[in-house]
N, C-alpha and C. Protein backbone atom coordinates (compact mmCIF):
# COMPACT_ATOMS: atom_id res chain seq x y z
N MET A 1 0.94 -4.81 -27.55
CA MET A 1 -0.19 -5.02 -26.64
C MET A 1 -0.95 -3.71 -26.45
N ASN A 2 -2.25 -3.83 -26.37
CA ASN A 2 -3.09 -2.67 -26.08
C ASN A 2 -2.64 -2.06 -24.75
N PRO A 3 -2.36 -0.75 -24.71
CA PRO A 3 -1.86 -0.13 -23.48
C PRO A 3 -2.82 -0.24 -22.30
N VAL A 4 -4.13 -0.24 -22.57
CA VAL A 4 -5.10 -0.37 -21.49
C VAL A 4 -5.04 -1.77 -20.88
N LEU A 5 -4.90 -2.80 -21.73
CA LEU A 5 -4.74 -4.15 -21.22
C LEU A 5 -3.47 -4.27 -20.38
N HIS A 6 -2.43 -3.59 -20.82
CA HIS A 6 -1.17 -3.58 -20.07
C HIS A 6 -1.38 -2.94 -18.70
N LEU A 7 -2.10 -1.83 -18.65
CA LEU A 7 -2.39 -1.16 -17.39
C LEU A 7 -3.22 -2.06 -16.47
N SER A 8 -4.15 -2.79 -17.07
CA SER A 8 -4.98 -3.71 -16.29
C SER A 8 -4.11 -4.78 -15.62
N ARG A 9 -3.17 -5.33 -16.38
CA ARG A 9 -2.28 -6.36 -15.83
C ARG A 9 -1.39 -5.80 -14.73
N ILE A 10 -0.90 -4.59 -14.95
CA ILE A 10 -0.07 -3.94 -13.93
C ILE A 10 -0.86 -3.77 -12.64
N ALA A 11 -2.11 -3.33 -12.77
CA ALA A 11 -2.94 -3.10 -11.60
C ALA A 11 -3.17 -4.38 -10.81
N VAL A 12 -3.51 -5.46 -11.50
CA VAL A 12 -3.76 -6.73 -10.82
C VAL A 12 -2.49 -7.23 -10.15
N THR A 13 -1.37 -7.15 -10.87
CA THR A 13 -0.10 -7.66 -10.35
C THR A 13 0.36 -6.88 -9.12
N THR A 14 0.30 -5.55 -9.18
CA THR A 14 0.78 -4.75 -8.06
C THR A 14 -0.16 -4.84 -6.85
N ALA A 15 -1.46 -4.90 -7.09
CA ALA A 15 -2.41 -5.06 -5.98
C ALA A 15 -2.20 -6.40 -5.29
N ALA A 16 -2.01 -7.45 -6.08
CA ALA A 16 -1.74 -8.77 -5.51
C ALA A 16 -0.42 -8.76 -4.75
N GLY A 17 0.58 -8.07 -5.29
CA GLY A 17 1.87 -7.98 -4.61
C GLY A 17 1.75 -7.29 -3.26
N ALA A 18 0.95 -6.23 -3.20
CA ALA A 18 0.74 -5.53 -1.94
C ALA A 18 0.09 -6.45 -0.92
N MET A 19 -0.90 -7.22 -1.37
CA MET A 19 -1.61 -8.13 -0.47
C MET A 19 -0.68 -9.24 0.02
N LEU A 20 0.15 -9.76 -0.87
CA LEU A 20 1.08 -10.83 -0.49
C LEU A 20 2.12 -10.33 0.52
N LEU A 21 2.57 -9.09 0.34
CA LEU A 21 3.53 -8.52 1.28
C LEU A 21 2.93 -8.39 2.68
N VAL A 22 1.69 -7.92 2.74
CA VAL A 22 1.02 -7.79 4.03
C VAL A 22 0.80 -9.18 4.65
N ALA A 23 0.43 -10.16 3.82
CA ALA A 23 0.27 -11.52 4.32
C ALA A 23 1.59 -12.05 4.88
N TYR A 24 2.70 -11.76 4.19
CA TYR A 24 4.02 -12.16 4.68
C TYR A 24 4.31 -11.52 6.03
N LEU A 25 4.03 -10.22 6.16
CA LEU A 25 4.26 -9.53 7.42
C LEU A 25 3.38 -10.10 8.53
N ASN A 26 2.15 -10.46 8.19
CA ASN A 26 1.25 -11.07 9.17
C ASN A 26 1.87 -12.32 9.78
N ILE A 27 2.52 -13.11 8.92
CA ILE A 27 3.10 -14.38 9.38
C ILE A 27 4.47 -14.16 10.03
N ALA A 28 5.32 -13.39 9.37
CA ALA A 28 6.69 -13.22 9.85
C ALA A 28 6.78 -12.46 11.17
N LEU A 29 5.85 -11.54 11.39
CA LEU A 29 5.91 -10.70 12.59
C LEU A 29 4.75 -10.94 13.55
N VAL A 30 4.21 -12.16 13.50
CA VAL A 30 3.04 -12.46 14.33
C VAL A 30 3.35 -12.34 15.82
N GLN A 31 4.61 -12.54 16.22
CA GLN A 31 4.98 -12.41 17.63
C GLN A 31 5.05 -10.96 18.07
N GLN A 32 5.31 -10.05 17.12
CA GLN A 32 5.44 -8.63 17.46
C GLN A 32 4.15 -7.85 17.22
N VAL A 33 3.41 -8.23 16.19
CA VAL A 33 2.19 -7.50 15.80
C VAL A 33 1.04 -8.50 15.66
N SER A 34 0.00 -8.30 16.44
CA SER A 34 -1.15 -9.19 16.38
C SER A 34 -2.02 -8.86 15.16
N PRO A 35 -2.25 -9.83 14.26
CA PRO A 35 -3.14 -9.58 13.11
C PRO A 35 -4.60 -9.35 13.52
N ILE A 36 -4.91 -9.69 14.77
CA ILE A 36 -6.29 -9.53 15.25
C ILE A 36 -6.50 -8.16 15.88
N PHE A 37 -5.53 -7.71 16.67
CA PHE A 37 -5.76 -6.49 17.45
C PHE A 37 -4.89 -5.29 17.05
N ASP A 38 -3.78 -5.52 16.38
CA ASP A 38 -2.88 -4.41 16.05
C ASP A 38 -3.05 -3.97 14.60
N PRO A 39 -2.94 -2.65 14.34
CA PRO A 39 -3.08 -2.14 12.96
C PRO A 39 -1.90 -2.55 12.08
N VAL A 40 -2.15 -2.61 10.79
CA VAL A 40 -1.13 -2.98 9.82
C VAL A 40 0.06 -2.03 9.88
N SER A 41 -0.19 -0.76 10.17
CA SER A 41 0.88 0.23 10.19
C SER A 41 1.93 -0.05 11.26
N ASP A 42 1.62 -0.91 12.25
CA ASP A 42 2.61 -1.25 13.27
C ASP A 42 3.80 -2.00 12.67
N TYR A 43 3.62 -2.59 11.49
CA TYR A 43 4.73 -3.30 10.85
C TYR A 43 5.88 -2.37 10.51
N VAL A 44 5.59 -1.08 10.38
CA VAL A 44 6.64 -0.13 10.00
C VAL A 44 7.75 -0.08 11.06
N HIS A 45 7.41 -0.43 12.31
CA HIS A 45 8.39 -0.40 13.39
C HIS A 45 9.34 -1.60 13.36
N TYR A 46 8.98 -2.62 12.58
CA TYR A 46 9.78 -3.86 12.55
C TYR A 46 10.33 -4.17 11.16
N ASN A 47 9.61 -3.79 10.12
CA ASN A 47 10.08 -3.98 8.75
C ASN A 47 9.50 -2.87 7.90
N GLY A 48 10.07 -1.69 8.07
CA GLY A 48 9.56 -0.50 7.40
C GLY A 48 9.63 -0.58 5.89
N VAL A 49 10.67 -1.24 5.38
CA VAL A 49 10.83 -1.35 3.93
C VAL A 49 9.67 -2.11 3.31
N ALA A 50 9.33 -3.26 3.89
CA ALA A 50 8.23 -4.08 3.36
C ALA A 50 6.90 -3.35 3.48
N PHE A 51 6.71 -2.63 4.60
CA PHE A 51 5.45 -1.91 4.77
C PHE A 51 5.31 -0.81 3.72
N VAL A 52 6.34 0.00 3.55
CA VAL A 52 6.28 1.09 2.57
C VAL A 52 6.15 0.53 1.15
N LEU A 53 6.84 -0.57 0.87
CA LEU A 53 6.74 -1.18 -0.46
C LEU A 53 5.31 -1.66 -0.73
N SER A 54 4.63 -2.20 0.27
CA SER A 54 3.24 -2.64 0.08
C SER A 54 2.34 -1.46 -0.25
N VAL A 55 2.58 -0.32 0.40
CA VAL A 55 1.81 0.89 0.11
C VAL A 55 2.07 1.37 -1.31
N LEU A 56 3.34 1.38 -1.71
CA LEU A 56 3.70 1.83 -3.05
C LEU A 56 3.12 0.92 -4.13
N LEU A 57 3.09 -0.37 -3.87
CA LEU A 57 2.50 -1.32 -4.83
C LEU A 57 1.01 -1.06 -4.99
N LEU A 58 0.32 -0.83 -3.87
CA LEU A 58 -1.11 -0.55 -3.96
C LEU A 58 -1.37 0.76 -4.70
N MET A 59 -0.54 1.76 -4.42
CA MET A 59 -0.66 3.04 -5.13
C MET A 59 -0.43 2.85 -6.63
N SER A 60 0.53 2.03 -6.98
CA SER A 60 0.82 1.77 -8.40
C SER A 60 -0.37 1.13 -9.09
N GLY A 61 -1.01 0.18 -8.40
CA GLY A 61 -2.21 -0.45 -8.97
C GLY A 61 -3.33 0.56 -9.15
N GLY A 62 -3.49 1.44 -8.17
CA GLY A 62 -4.52 2.48 -8.29
C GLY A 62 -4.24 3.45 -9.41
N PHE A 63 -2.97 3.82 -9.55
CA PHE A 63 -2.59 4.74 -10.63
C PHE A 63 -2.84 4.10 -11.99
N ALA A 64 -2.55 2.80 -12.08
CA ALA A 64 -2.77 2.10 -13.35
C ALA A 64 -4.25 2.08 -13.74
N VAL A 65 -5.13 1.81 -12.78
CA VAL A 65 -6.56 1.76 -13.13
C VAL A 65 -7.11 3.16 -13.37
N ALA A 66 -6.63 4.16 -12.62
CA ALA A 66 -7.10 5.53 -12.85
C ALA A 66 -6.71 6.00 -14.24
N THR A 67 -5.49 5.68 -14.65
CA THR A 67 -5.05 6.03 -16.00
C THR A 67 -5.83 5.24 -17.04
N GLY A 68 -6.05 3.96 -16.75
CA GLY A 68 -6.79 3.10 -17.67
C GLY A 68 -8.22 3.53 -17.88
N LEU A 69 -8.87 4.02 -16.82
CA LEU A 69 -10.26 4.50 -16.95
C LEU A 69 -10.35 5.62 -17.98
N THR A 70 -9.40 6.53 -17.91
CA THR A 70 -9.41 7.66 -18.85
C THR A 70 -9.09 7.20 -20.27
N ARG A 71 -8.05 6.38 -20.41
CA ARG A 71 -7.64 5.93 -21.73
C ARG A 71 -8.68 5.02 -22.40
N ALA A 72 -9.40 4.26 -21.59
CA ALA A 72 -10.40 3.35 -22.15
C ALA A 72 -11.73 4.05 -22.42
N GLY A 73 -11.85 5.31 -21.99
CA GLY A 73 -13.08 6.05 -22.22
C GLY A 73 -14.23 5.63 -21.34
N VAL A 74 -13.91 5.07 -20.16
CA VAL A 74 -14.96 4.69 -19.22
C VAL A 74 -15.53 5.97 -18.60
N PRO A 75 -16.84 6.19 -18.71
CA PRO A 75 -17.41 7.44 -18.21
C PRO A 75 -17.28 7.56 -16.69
N HIS A 76 -16.68 8.65 -16.23
CA HIS A 76 -16.58 8.90 -14.80
C HIS A 76 -16.49 10.41 -14.57
N SER A 77 -17.02 10.83 -13.44
CA SER A 77 -17.16 12.26 -13.16
C SER A 77 -15.89 12.87 -12.57
N GLY A 78 -15.91 14.20 -12.49
CA GLY A 78 -14.81 14.91 -11.86
C GLY A 78 -14.68 14.56 -10.39
N LEU A 79 -15.81 14.31 -9.72
CA LEU A 79 -15.78 13.95 -8.30
C LEU A 79 -15.06 12.62 -8.10
N VAL A 80 -15.26 11.68 -9.01
CA VAL A 80 -14.56 10.40 -8.93
C VAL A 80 -13.06 10.63 -9.02
N LYS A 81 -12.65 11.53 -9.91
CA LYS A 81 -11.22 11.84 -10.05
C LYS A 81 -10.67 12.48 -8.78
N VAL A 82 -11.46 13.36 -8.15
CA VAL A 82 -11.03 13.99 -6.90
C VAL A 82 -10.85 12.94 -5.81
N LEU A 83 -11.80 12.01 -5.73
CA LEU A 83 -11.72 10.96 -4.71
C LEU A 83 -10.53 10.05 -4.94
N PHE A 84 -10.22 9.76 -6.20
CA PHE A 84 -9.01 9.00 -6.51
C PHE A 84 -7.78 9.77 -6.03
N GLY A 85 -7.78 11.08 -6.26
CA GLY A 85 -6.66 11.91 -5.81
C GLY A 85 -6.50 11.87 -4.30
N LEU A 86 -7.60 11.95 -3.57
CA LEU A 86 -7.56 11.87 -2.11
C LEU A 86 -7.04 10.51 -1.65
N TRP A 87 -7.41 9.47 -2.40
CA TRP A 87 -6.94 8.12 -2.07
C TRP A 87 -5.42 8.05 -2.20
N PHE A 88 -4.90 8.59 -3.31
CA PHE A 88 -3.45 8.59 -3.50
C PHE A 88 -2.73 9.38 -2.41
N VAL A 89 -3.24 10.55 -2.11
CA VAL A 89 -2.61 11.40 -1.08
C VAL A 89 -2.67 10.70 0.28
N GLY A 90 -3.84 10.12 0.60
CA GLY A 90 -3.98 9.42 1.87
C GLY A 90 -3.00 8.27 2.01
N LEU A 91 -2.87 7.47 0.96
CA LEU A 91 -1.93 6.35 0.99
C LEU A 91 -0.48 6.83 1.16
N ALA A 92 -0.13 7.87 0.41
CA ALA A 92 1.24 8.39 0.49
C ALA A 92 1.56 8.88 1.90
N LEU A 93 0.63 9.60 2.51
CA LEU A 93 0.87 10.15 3.84
C LEU A 93 0.87 9.07 4.91
N VAL A 94 0.11 8.00 4.70
CA VAL A 94 0.14 6.87 5.62
C VAL A 94 1.55 6.28 5.69
N ALA A 95 2.22 6.25 4.55
CA ALA A 95 3.59 5.73 4.50
C ALA A 95 4.59 6.70 5.10
N VAL A 96 4.32 7.99 4.99
CA VAL A 96 5.25 9.02 5.47
C VAL A 96 5.15 9.21 6.99
N PHE A 97 3.92 9.24 7.50
CA PHE A 97 3.72 9.49 8.93
C PHE A 97 3.41 8.17 9.66
N PRO A 98 4.29 7.74 10.55
CA PRO A 98 4.04 6.48 11.27
C PRO A 98 2.90 6.62 12.26
N GLY A 99 2.24 5.50 12.53
CA GLY A 99 1.14 5.51 13.50
C GLY A 99 1.65 5.68 14.92
N ASN A 100 0.71 5.87 15.85
CA ASN A 100 1.08 5.99 17.26
C ASN A 100 1.77 4.69 17.73
N PRO A 101 2.82 4.81 18.54
CA PRO A 101 3.54 3.61 18.96
C PRO A 101 2.72 2.66 19.82
N SER A 102 1.69 3.18 20.50
CA SER A 102 0.80 2.33 21.29
C SER A 102 -0.51 3.06 21.51
N VAL A 103 -1.50 2.36 22.03
CA VAL A 103 -2.81 2.98 22.26
C VAL A 103 -2.73 4.03 23.36
N ASP A 104 -1.70 3.96 24.19
CA ASP A 104 -1.57 4.89 25.31
C ASP A 104 -0.72 6.11 24.96
N VAL A 105 -0.06 6.08 23.80
CA VAL A 105 0.82 7.18 23.41
C VAL A 105 0.30 7.82 22.13
N SER A 106 0.06 9.13 22.18
CA SER A 106 -0.44 9.85 21.01
C SER A 106 0.60 10.86 20.54
N THR A 107 0.90 10.82 19.24
CA THR A 107 1.85 11.76 18.65
C THR A 107 1.18 12.51 17.52
N VAL A 108 1.79 13.63 17.13
CA VAL A 108 1.25 14.40 16.01
C VAL A 108 1.26 13.55 14.74
N ALA A 109 2.39 12.87 14.49
CA ALA A 109 2.49 12.01 13.31
C ALA A 109 1.44 10.90 13.36
N GLY A 110 1.24 10.35 14.55
CA GLY A 110 0.27 9.27 14.71
C GLY A 110 -1.16 9.73 14.43
N GLU A 111 -1.50 10.93 14.86
CA GLU A 111 -2.85 11.45 14.62
C GLU A 111 -3.05 11.78 13.14
N ILE A 112 -1.99 12.31 12.49
CA ILE A 112 -2.07 12.54 11.04
C ILE A 112 -2.27 11.21 10.33
N HIS A 113 -1.54 10.19 10.78
CA HIS A 113 -1.65 8.85 10.20
C HIS A 113 -3.08 8.34 10.30
N ARG A 114 -3.69 8.51 11.44
CA ARG A 114 -5.08 8.04 11.64
C ARG A 114 -6.04 8.77 10.71
N PHE A 115 -5.86 10.10 10.59
CA PHE A 115 -6.76 10.89 9.76
C PHE A 115 -6.65 10.51 8.29
N VAL A 116 -5.40 10.46 7.78
CA VAL A 116 -5.23 10.16 6.35
C VAL A 116 -5.56 8.69 6.07
N GLY A 117 -5.43 7.84 7.09
CA GLY A 117 -5.86 6.45 6.93
C GLY A 117 -7.36 6.37 6.68
N ALA A 118 -8.11 7.18 7.44
CA ALA A 118 -9.56 7.23 7.24
C ALA A 118 -9.89 7.76 5.85
N VAL A 119 -9.11 8.74 5.39
CA VAL A 119 -9.34 9.32 4.06
C VAL A 119 -9.16 8.27 2.98
N PHE A 120 -8.05 7.53 3.03
CA PHE A 120 -7.80 6.59 1.93
C PHE A 120 -8.72 5.37 2.00
N LEU A 121 -9.11 4.95 3.21
CA LEU A 121 -9.98 3.78 3.31
C LEU A 121 -11.41 4.06 2.84
N THR A 122 -11.81 5.34 2.89
CA THR A 122 -13.17 5.68 2.45
C THR A 122 -13.23 6.24 1.03
N SER A 123 -12.15 6.88 0.58
CA SER A 123 -12.18 7.55 -0.73
C SER A 123 -12.41 6.58 -1.88
N LEU A 124 -11.67 5.47 -1.90
CA LEU A 124 -11.79 4.54 -3.03
C LEU A 124 -13.15 3.86 -3.09
N PRO A 125 -13.69 3.34 -1.98
CA PRO A 125 -15.04 2.75 -2.05
C PRO A 125 -16.11 3.74 -2.52
N VAL A 126 -16.03 4.98 -2.04
CA VAL A 126 -17.03 5.98 -2.45
C VAL A 126 -16.84 6.32 -3.93
N ALA A 127 -15.59 6.45 -4.36
CA ALA A 127 -15.33 6.72 -5.78
C ALA A 127 -15.89 5.61 -6.66
N CYS A 128 -15.70 4.36 -6.24
CA CYS A 128 -16.19 3.22 -7.03
C CYS A 128 -17.71 3.14 -7.01
N TRP A 129 -18.31 3.50 -5.89
CA TRP A 129 -19.78 3.51 -5.82
C TRP A 129 -20.34 4.57 -6.78
N LEU A 130 -19.73 5.75 -6.80
CA LEU A 130 -20.16 6.80 -7.73
C LEU A 130 -19.93 6.39 -9.18
N LEU A 131 -18.81 5.72 -9.43
CA LEU A 131 -18.52 5.23 -10.77
C LEU A 131 -19.56 4.21 -11.20
N ALA A 132 -19.92 3.32 -10.29
CA ALA A 132 -20.95 2.31 -10.59
C ALA A 132 -22.29 2.97 -10.92
N ARG A 133 -22.62 4.04 -10.21
CA ARG A 133 -23.87 4.77 -10.49
C ARG A 133 -23.86 5.36 -11.89
N SER A 134 -22.70 5.88 -12.30
CA SER A 134 -22.64 6.49 -13.63
C SER A 134 -22.67 5.44 -14.74
N LEU A 135 -22.29 4.19 -14.41
CA LEU A 135 -22.26 3.14 -15.43
C LEU A 135 -23.56 2.35 -15.52
N ARG A 136 -24.38 2.43 -14.48
CA ARG A 136 -25.54 1.54 -14.43
C ARG A 136 -26.57 1.80 -15.52
N ASP A 137 -26.61 3.01 -16.06
CA ASP A 137 -27.59 3.34 -17.11
C ASP A 137 -27.10 2.98 -18.51
N HIS A 138 -25.85 2.49 -18.60
CA HIS A 138 -25.31 2.07 -19.89
C HIS A 138 -25.47 0.56 -20.02
N PRO A 139 -26.26 0.09 -20.99
CA PRO A 139 -26.50 -1.36 -21.12
C PRO A 139 -25.23 -2.20 -21.15
N VAL A 140 -24.18 -1.67 -21.75
CA VAL A 140 -22.92 -2.42 -21.86
C VAL A 140 -22.26 -2.60 -20.49
N TRP A 141 -22.52 -1.67 -19.58
CA TRP A 141 -21.82 -1.66 -18.30
C TRP A 141 -22.66 -2.13 -17.12
N MET A 142 -23.89 -2.59 -17.36
CA MET A 142 -24.79 -2.92 -16.25
C MET A 142 -24.21 -3.99 -15.32
N VAL A 143 -23.67 -5.06 -15.88
CA VAL A 143 -23.12 -6.14 -15.05
C VAL A 143 -21.89 -5.65 -14.29
N THR A 144 -21.03 -4.92 -14.99
CA THR A 144 -19.84 -4.37 -14.36
C THR A 144 -20.21 -3.42 -13.23
N ALA A 145 -21.20 -2.58 -13.48
CA ALA A 145 -21.64 -1.61 -12.47
C ALA A 145 -22.15 -2.32 -11.22
N SER A 146 -22.89 -3.40 -11.42
CA SER A 146 -23.42 -4.15 -10.28
C SER A 146 -22.30 -4.76 -9.46
N ARG A 147 -21.31 -5.34 -10.13
CA ARG A 147 -20.18 -5.95 -9.43
C ARG A 147 -19.38 -4.89 -8.67
N LEU A 148 -19.14 -3.77 -9.33
CA LEU A 148 -18.36 -2.69 -8.73
C LEU A 148 -19.09 -2.11 -7.52
N ARG A 149 -20.40 -1.95 -7.67
CA ARG A 149 -21.19 -1.40 -6.56
C ARG A 149 -21.16 -2.34 -5.35
N GLY A 150 -21.24 -3.64 -5.60
CA GLY A 150 -21.22 -4.60 -4.51
C GLY A 150 -19.93 -4.56 -3.72
N VAL A 151 -18.80 -4.52 -4.42
CA VAL A 151 -17.51 -4.47 -3.73
C VAL A 151 -17.33 -3.12 -3.04
N ALA A 152 -17.85 -2.06 -3.65
CA ALA A 152 -17.76 -0.73 -3.03
C ALA A 152 -18.53 -0.68 -1.72
N VAL A 153 -19.69 -1.30 -1.67
CA VAL A 153 -20.49 -1.36 -0.44
C VAL A 153 -19.72 -2.11 0.64
N VAL A 154 -19.10 -3.23 0.26
CA VAL A 154 -18.27 -3.97 1.21
C VAL A 154 -17.14 -3.10 1.73
N GLY A 155 -16.52 -2.32 0.82
CA GLY A 155 -15.45 -1.42 1.21
C GLY A 155 -15.90 -0.37 2.21
N VAL A 156 -17.07 0.21 1.97
CA VAL A 156 -17.60 1.22 2.90
C VAL A 156 -17.90 0.59 4.26
N LEU A 157 -18.51 -0.60 4.25
CA LEU A 157 -18.88 -1.26 5.50
C LEU A 157 -17.64 -1.65 6.31
N THR A 158 -16.63 -2.19 5.64
CA THR A 158 -15.42 -2.60 6.37
C THR A 158 -14.65 -1.39 6.88
N ALA A 159 -14.61 -0.32 6.07
CA ALA A 159 -13.94 0.90 6.53
C ALA A 159 -14.67 1.50 7.73
N THR A 160 -15.99 1.48 7.68
CA THR A 160 -16.80 1.99 8.80
C THR A 160 -16.57 1.17 10.05
N SER A 161 -16.52 -0.16 9.89
CA SER A 161 -16.29 -1.04 11.03
C SER A 161 -14.94 -0.75 11.68
N PHE A 162 -13.94 -0.54 10.85
CA PHE A 162 -12.61 -0.21 11.38
C PHE A 162 -12.64 1.15 12.08
N GLY A 163 -13.39 2.10 11.52
CA GLY A 163 -13.51 3.41 12.16
C GLY A 163 -14.18 3.30 13.53
N VAL A 164 -15.21 2.47 13.63
CA VAL A 164 -15.89 2.27 14.92
C VAL A 164 -14.92 1.66 15.93
N ALA A 165 -14.05 0.75 15.45
CA ALA A 165 -13.09 0.08 16.34
C ALA A 165 -12.09 1.05 16.96
N GLN A 166 -11.93 2.25 16.37
CA GLN A 166 -11.05 3.25 16.96
C GLN A 166 -11.59 3.76 18.29
N PHE A 167 -12.90 3.62 18.48
CA PHE A 167 -13.53 4.13 19.69
C PHE A 167 -14.08 3.03 20.59
N VAL A 168 -14.35 1.87 20.01
CA VAL A 168 -14.83 0.72 20.79
C VAL A 168 -13.65 -0.23 20.94
N THR A 169 -12.97 -0.12 22.06
CA THR A 169 -11.65 -0.74 22.20
C THR A 169 -11.67 -2.26 22.21
N TRP A 170 -12.81 -2.88 22.53
CA TRP A 170 -12.84 -4.34 22.58
C TRP A 170 -13.01 -4.99 21.20
N LEU A 171 -13.30 -4.19 20.18
CA LEU A 171 -13.41 -4.74 18.83
C LEU A 171 -12.02 -5.11 18.29
N PRO A 172 -11.95 -6.16 17.44
CA PRO A 172 -10.65 -6.58 16.88
C PRO A 172 -10.17 -5.62 15.79
N GLN A 173 -9.58 -4.52 16.22
CA GLN A 173 -9.20 -3.44 15.31
C GLN A 173 -8.32 -3.93 14.16
N GLY A 174 -7.33 -4.74 14.48
CA GLY A 174 -6.41 -5.21 13.45
C GLY A 174 -7.10 -6.05 12.39
N LEU A 175 -7.97 -6.94 12.83
CA LEU A 175 -8.69 -7.80 11.88
C LEU A 175 -9.62 -6.98 11.00
N LEU A 176 -10.31 -6.01 11.60
CA LEU A 176 -11.24 -5.18 10.82
C LEU A 176 -10.48 -4.33 9.80
N GLU A 177 -9.30 -3.84 10.18
CA GLU A 177 -8.51 -3.06 9.22
C GLU A 177 -8.06 -3.94 8.06
N ARG A 178 -7.68 -5.18 8.36
CA ARG A 178 -7.23 -6.09 7.30
C ARG A 178 -8.38 -6.43 6.34
N PHE A 179 -9.60 -6.53 6.87
CA PHE A 179 -10.77 -6.72 6.00
C PHE A 179 -10.95 -5.50 5.10
N ALA A 180 -10.79 -4.30 5.67
CA ALA A 180 -10.95 -3.07 4.88
C ALA A 180 -9.89 -2.97 3.80
N LEU A 181 -8.66 -3.36 4.13
CA LEU A 181 -7.59 -3.33 3.13
C LEU A 181 -7.82 -4.36 2.03
N ALA A 182 -8.35 -5.53 2.41
CA ALA A 182 -8.66 -6.55 1.41
C ALA A 182 -9.72 -6.03 0.45
N ALA A 183 -10.69 -5.26 0.98
CA ALA A 183 -11.72 -4.67 0.11
C ALA A 183 -11.11 -3.65 -0.84
N GLU A 184 -10.11 -2.89 -0.36
CA GLU A 184 -9.43 -1.92 -1.23
C GLU A 184 -8.74 -2.64 -2.39
N VAL A 185 -8.05 -3.73 -2.07
CA VAL A 185 -7.37 -4.50 -3.11
C VAL A 185 -8.38 -5.08 -4.09
N ALA A 186 -9.50 -5.59 -3.56
CA ALA A 186 -10.55 -6.14 -4.42
C ALA A 186 -11.10 -5.08 -5.37
N LEU A 187 -11.24 -3.85 -4.89
CA LEU A 187 -11.73 -2.76 -5.75
C LEU A 187 -10.75 -2.46 -6.87
N VAL A 188 -9.46 -2.45 -6.56
CA VAL A 188 -8.45 -2.22 -7.60
C VAL A 188 -8.53 -3.31 -8.66
N VAL A 189 -8.71 -4.56 -8.22
CA VAL A 189 -8.80 -5.68 -9.16
C VAL A 189 -10.06 -5.56 -10.02
N VAL A 190 -11.20 -5.24 -9.41
CA VAL A 190 -12.45 -5.08 -10.17
C VAL A 190 -12.33 -3.94 -11.17
N LEU A 191 -11.69 -2.85 -10.76
CA LEU A 191 -11.46 -1.74 -11.69
C LEU A 191 -10.55 -2.17 -12.84
N ALA A 192 -9.55 -2.99 -12.53
CA ALA A 192 -8.65 -3.49 -13.57
C ALA A 192 -9.42 -4.34 -14.58
N LEU A 193 -10.34 -5.17 -14.10
CA LEU A 193 -11.16 -5.98 -15.00
C LEU A 193 -12.11 -5.10 -15.81
N THR A 194 -12.54 -4.00 -15.21
CA THR A 194 -13.42 -3.06 -15.91
C THR A 194 -12.71 -2.42 -17.10
N ILE A 195 -11.48 -1.94 -16.88
CA ILE A 195 -10.78 -1.30 -17.99
C ILE A 195 -10.35 -2.33 -19.03
N ARG A 196 -10.10 -3.56 -18.57
CA ARG A 196 -9.77 -4.63 -19.54
C ARG A 196 -10.94 -4.88 -20.46
N ARG A 197 -12.14 -4.90 -19.88
CA ARG A 197 -13.33 -5.13 -20.72
C ARG A 197 -13.54 -3.97 -21.68
N ALA A 198 -13.28 -2.75 -21.21
CA ALA A 198 -13.46 -1.57 -22.06
C ALA A 198 -12.49 -1.59 -23.24
N ALA A 199 -11.33 -2.21 -23.04
CA ALA A 199 -10.32 -2.21 -24.09
C ALA A 199 -10.58 -3.23 -25.17
N ARG A 200 -11.50 -4.15 -24.94
CA ARG A 200 -11.75 -5.19 -25.91
C ARG A 200 -12.79 -4.78 -26.96
């Protein structure tokens, strides 16, 4: 099998696995963590293994598409690579540093968690938007660039909405974060389809 096609399949499978794990946690722990108002990271207090595994699966999908972009010869800038790196670091630190135990209690680990969470939620959408810009002038990539740009815009908007919810307490913070995470997974899948097309 073409190694790029293999990477594409890995990316789709692991991203879907991450989403399914979070969906499972949403259902299994609905009495402890509200999917509407509580952040996804609160699951670490009740099922840390599943939470960390979901993060690792998403990171694996991102690593697969990042590697596939290079191997498939998809044109992308150094800044895109830096943003991918920030995304990986942000995700890793989100798993290492638990969030604040409640809105009334602030810890050093919790504040680090919030900061790196903002980093990873914004890095991938911006990286994909820049990638779409670099592809739009290539006739072969015009459709792909348009699709990628659209999902990237959704990613930026959902990440921004979740960021606003950190300060506007009546907004459904948990739901907005889940929308932002769904956009992250969608971006990994679109990137996987992009490298699959490049490999053909």
